[in-house]
Amino acid sequence: MRRGVSMVPPRPVRNGTLKWTLRVHARRYGDGSPTGTLVSTSVTARRVFLLLGGIALVVQCVGLYGPPGPAGPSGIPLDKVNHLLGFAVPVALFLLAGVDRRLVLGLAVLQAVVSELVQGLVLADRTGDPWDLLADAVGIAVGWAVAVGARAIRRPGRRGPGQPPPP
């Protein structure tokens, strides 16, 4: 075994997608061995995407329900960009983790509507804006498209339009 990180070749799982595994190798000291013991553990891409999606969701909630950020340069709608990215990133990560598409997209739309209602009716220093809701919807669509595109790239053997069949 070696130290470091290695990618285990993908293997198909039940639903036809590939399971990528990241294998981490490290030395553990303190077990009486002068050189330590080489240990390894595997982390699936699903767990990594779930963790990153959870972090992105926390950041999204802070951005939606926290105090408003500073105004950006004139002419650049940073608020709309933040809404778009705030929804696109978690949607893409949860979809790449293999969470059910209907659940992810449904909860994202619900979060978009509820966040604008809360901003408009409950939070004193925030206002609800229908344009923010549109930016949220575009972000959800962008996140879905990124996940679909990434999955198409990750699956070997799938042909795109106009590509000849494999030999």
Protein backbone atom coordinates (compact mmCIF):
# COMPACT_ATOMS: atom_id res chain seq x y z
CA MET A 1 0.00 0.00 0.00
CA ARG A 2 1.02 3.56 -0.46
CA ARG A 3 0.32 6.80 1.32
CA GLY A 4 -1.96 9.42 -0.16
CA VAL A 5 -5.20 9.38 -2.05
CA SER A 6 -6.12 7.12 -4.94
CA MET A 7 -9.21 6.73 -7.08
CA VAL A 8 -10.60 3.22 -7.25
CA PRO A 9 -11.93 2.36 -10.72
CA PRO A 10 -15.68 2.88 -10.96
CA ARG A 11 -18.00 -0.05 -10.69
CA PRO A 12 -21.63 -0.25 -11.77
CA VAL A 13 -24.29 -0.24 -9.07
CA ARG A 14 -27.94 -1.32 -9.14
CA ASN A 15 -29.42 1.67 -10.92
CA GLY A 16 -26.88 1.57 -13.75
CA THR A 17 -24.79 4.50 -12.57
CA LEU A 18 -21.16 4.18 -11.63
CA LYS A 19 -19.91 4.23 -8.06
CA TRP A 20 -16.68 6.17 -7.69
CA THR A 21 -14.65 5.48 -4.59
CA LEU A 22 -11.90 7.61 -3.15
CA ARG A 23 -9.43 5.59 -1.12
CA VAL A 24 -7.42 7.47 1.49
CA HIS A 25 -4.19 5.93 2.80
CA ALA A 26 -2.44 7.22 5.92
CA ARG A 27 -0.14 6.10 8.70
CA ARG A 28 -1.56 5.73 12.19
CA TYR A 29 0.93 6.09 15.00
CA GLY A 30 0.63 5.24 18.67
CA ASP A 31 -0.08 1.53 18.29
CA GLY A 32 3.39 0.43 19.40
CA SER A 33 4.86 0.10 15.92
CA PRO A 34 7.90 2.37 15.35
CA THR A 35 6.82 3.09 11.76
CA GLY A 36 3.10 3.20 12.40
CA THR A 37 0.44 1.13 10.74
CA LEU A 38 -0.77 1.87 7.22
CA VAL A 39 -4.54 2.20 7.25
CA SER A 40 -6.92 3.00 4.45
CA THR A 41 -10.53 3.98 4.22
CA SER A 42 -12.92 4.50 1.34
CA VAL A 43 -15.18 7.45 0.78
CA THR A 44 -17.74 7.20 -1.98
CA ALA A 45 -18.44 10.13 -4.23
CA ARG A 46 -22.03 10.03 -2.98
CA ARG A 47 -20.93 10.84 0.55
CA VAL A 48 -18.70 13.64 -0.67
CA PHE A 49 -21.52 15.15 -2.74
CA LEU A 50 -23.94 14.81 0.20
CA LEU A 51 -21.49 16.55 2.54
CA LEU A 52 -20.81 19.36 0.07
CA GLY A 53 -24.54 19.68 -0.65
CA GLY A 54 -25.26 20.00 3.06
CA ILE A 55 -22.63 22.72 3.41
CA ALA A 56 -24.06 24.53 0.37
CA LEU A 57 -27.54 24.29 1.88
CA VAL A 58 -26.36 25.88 5.13
CA VAL A 59 -24.67 28.68 3.17
CA GLN A 60 -27.89 29.12 1.16
CA CYS A 61 -29.99 29.46 4.33
CA VAL A 62 -27.57 31.99 5.81
CA GLY A 63 -27.77 34.00 2.59
CA LEU A 64 -31.57 33.82 2.41
CA TYR A 65 -32.48 34.39 6.04
CA GLY A 66 -29.46 36.27 7.41
CA PRO A 67 -28.88 39.99 7.28
CA PRO A 68 -28.63 41.47 3.79
CA GLY A 69 -25.13 41.74 2.33
CA PRO A 70 -23.46 44.91 1.14
CA ALA A 71 -24.59 46.42 -2.13
CA GLY A 72 -22.43 45.52 -5.12
CA PRO A 73 -21.11 47.79 -7.83
CA SER A 74 -23.78 49.62 -9.74
CA GLY A 75 -25.11 47.77 -12.76
CA ILE A 76 -24.27 44.29 -11.45
CA PRO A 77 -27.22 42.54 -9.77
CA LEU A 78 -25.17 40.63 -7.18
CA ASP A 79 -28.32 39.78 -5.25
CA LYS A 80 -29.74 37.91 -8.24
CA VAL A 81 -26.42 36.16 -8.91
CA ASN A 82 -26.33 35.08 -5.25
CA HIS A 83 -29.86 33.70 -5.52
CA LEU A 84 -29.03 31.84 -8.73
CA LEU A 85 -25.84 30.29 -7.34
CA GLY A 86 -27.42 29.71 -3.92
CA PHE A 87 -29.92 27.36 -5.53
CA ALA A 88 -27.84 25.94 -8.40
CA VAL A 89 -25.00 24.60 -6.25
CA PRO A 90 -27.00 22.59 -3.69
CA VAL A 91 -29.38 21.26 -6.34
CA ALA A 92 -26.48 20.06 -8.50
CA LEU A 93 -24.63 18.50 -5.56
CA PHE A 94 -27.66 16.65 -4.18
CA LEU A 95 -28.60 15.37 -7.63
CA LEU A 96 -25.02 14.20 -8.22
CA ALA A 97 -25.21 12.41 -4.86
CA GLY A 98 -28.11 10.41 -6.26
CA VAL A 99 -30.89 11.94 -4.16
CA ASP A 100 -34.27 11.52 -5.88
CA ARG A 101 -34.74 14.22 -8.52
CA ARG A 102 -38.36 14.92 -7.60
CA LEU A 103 -37.46 15.35 -3.95
CA VAL A 104 -34.54 17.69 -4.65
CA LEU A 105 -36.37 19.84 -7.20
CA GLY A 106 -39.59 19.92 -5.17
CA LEU A 107 -37.85 20.97 -1.97
CA ALA A 108 -35.78 23.56 -3.85
CA VAL A 109 -38.92 25.15 -5.34
CA LEU A 110 -40.58 25.08 -1.91
CA GLN A 111 -37.50 26.71 -0.35
CA ALA A 112 -37.54 29.42 -3.04
CA VAL A 113 -41.20 30.31 -2.45
CA VAL A 114 -41.00 30.11 1.35
CA SER A 115 -37.80 32.17 1.49
CA GLU A 116 -39.39 35.03 -0.44
CA LEU A 117 -42.52 34.91 1.72
CA VAL A 118 -40.42 34.92 4.90
CA GLN A 119 -38.27 37.77 3.60
CA GLY A 120 -41.33 39.81 2.69
CA LEU A 121 -43.54 39.09 5.71
CA VAL A 122 -41.33 38.14 8.67
CA LEU A 123 -37.82 39.59 8.37
CA ALA A 124 -37.80 43.32 9.08
CA ASP A 125 -34.53 44.05 7.28
CA ARG A 126 -35.39 42.02 4.15
CA THR A 127 -37.97 42.36 1.40
CA GLY A 128 -39.57 39.71 -0.77
CA ASP A 129 -38.87 40.19 -4.47
CA PRO A 130 -40.48 38.28 -7.35
CA TRP A 131 -37.27 38.77 -9.35
CA ASP A 132 -35.42 36.88 -6.62
CA LEU A 133 -37.93 34.06 -7.04
CA LEU A 134 -37.19 34.03 -10.77
CA ALA A 135 -33.44 33.94 -10.06
CA ASP A 136 -34.05 31.03 -7.67
CA ALA A 137 -35.99 29.15 -10.37
CA VAL A 138 -33.24 29.76 -12.92
CA GLY A 139 -30.70 28.54 -10.35
CA ILE A 140 -32.70 25.36 -9.80
CA ALA A 141 -32.79 24.76 -13.57
CA VAL A 142 -29.06 25.45 -13.90
CA GLY A 143 -28.26 23.05 -11.05
CA TRP A 144 -30.41 20.34 -12.63
CA ALA A 145 -28.75 20.89 -16.04
CA VAL A 146 -25.26 20.72 -14.52
CA ALA A 147 -26.09 17.45 -12.76
CA VAL A 148 -27.58 15.93 -15.92
CA GLY A 149 -24.54 17.02 -17.95
CA ALA A 150 -22.08 15.72 -15.36
CA ARG A 151 -23.84 12.36 -15.21
CA ALA A 152 -23.77 12.09 -18.99
CA ILE A 153 -20.03 12.73 -18.97
CA ARG A 154 -19.41 10.23 -16.15
CA ARG A 155 -21.16 7.33 -17.87
CA PRO A 156 -18.81 5.68 -20.34
CA GLY A 157 -20.39 4.07 -23.34
CA ARG A 158 -23.16 6.60 -23.76
CA ARG A 159 -23.15 8.15 -27.17
CA GLY A 160 -24.20 11.66 -27.94
CA PRO A 161 -26.12 12.65 -31.05
CA GLY A 162 -24.11 12.18 -34.24
CA GLN A 163 -21.47 9.95 -32.67
CA PRO A 164 -20.78 6.63 -34.36
CA PRO A 165 -21.30 3.41 -32.40
CA PRO A 166 -18.24 1.96 -30.71
CA PRO A 167 -16.20 -0.48 -32.81
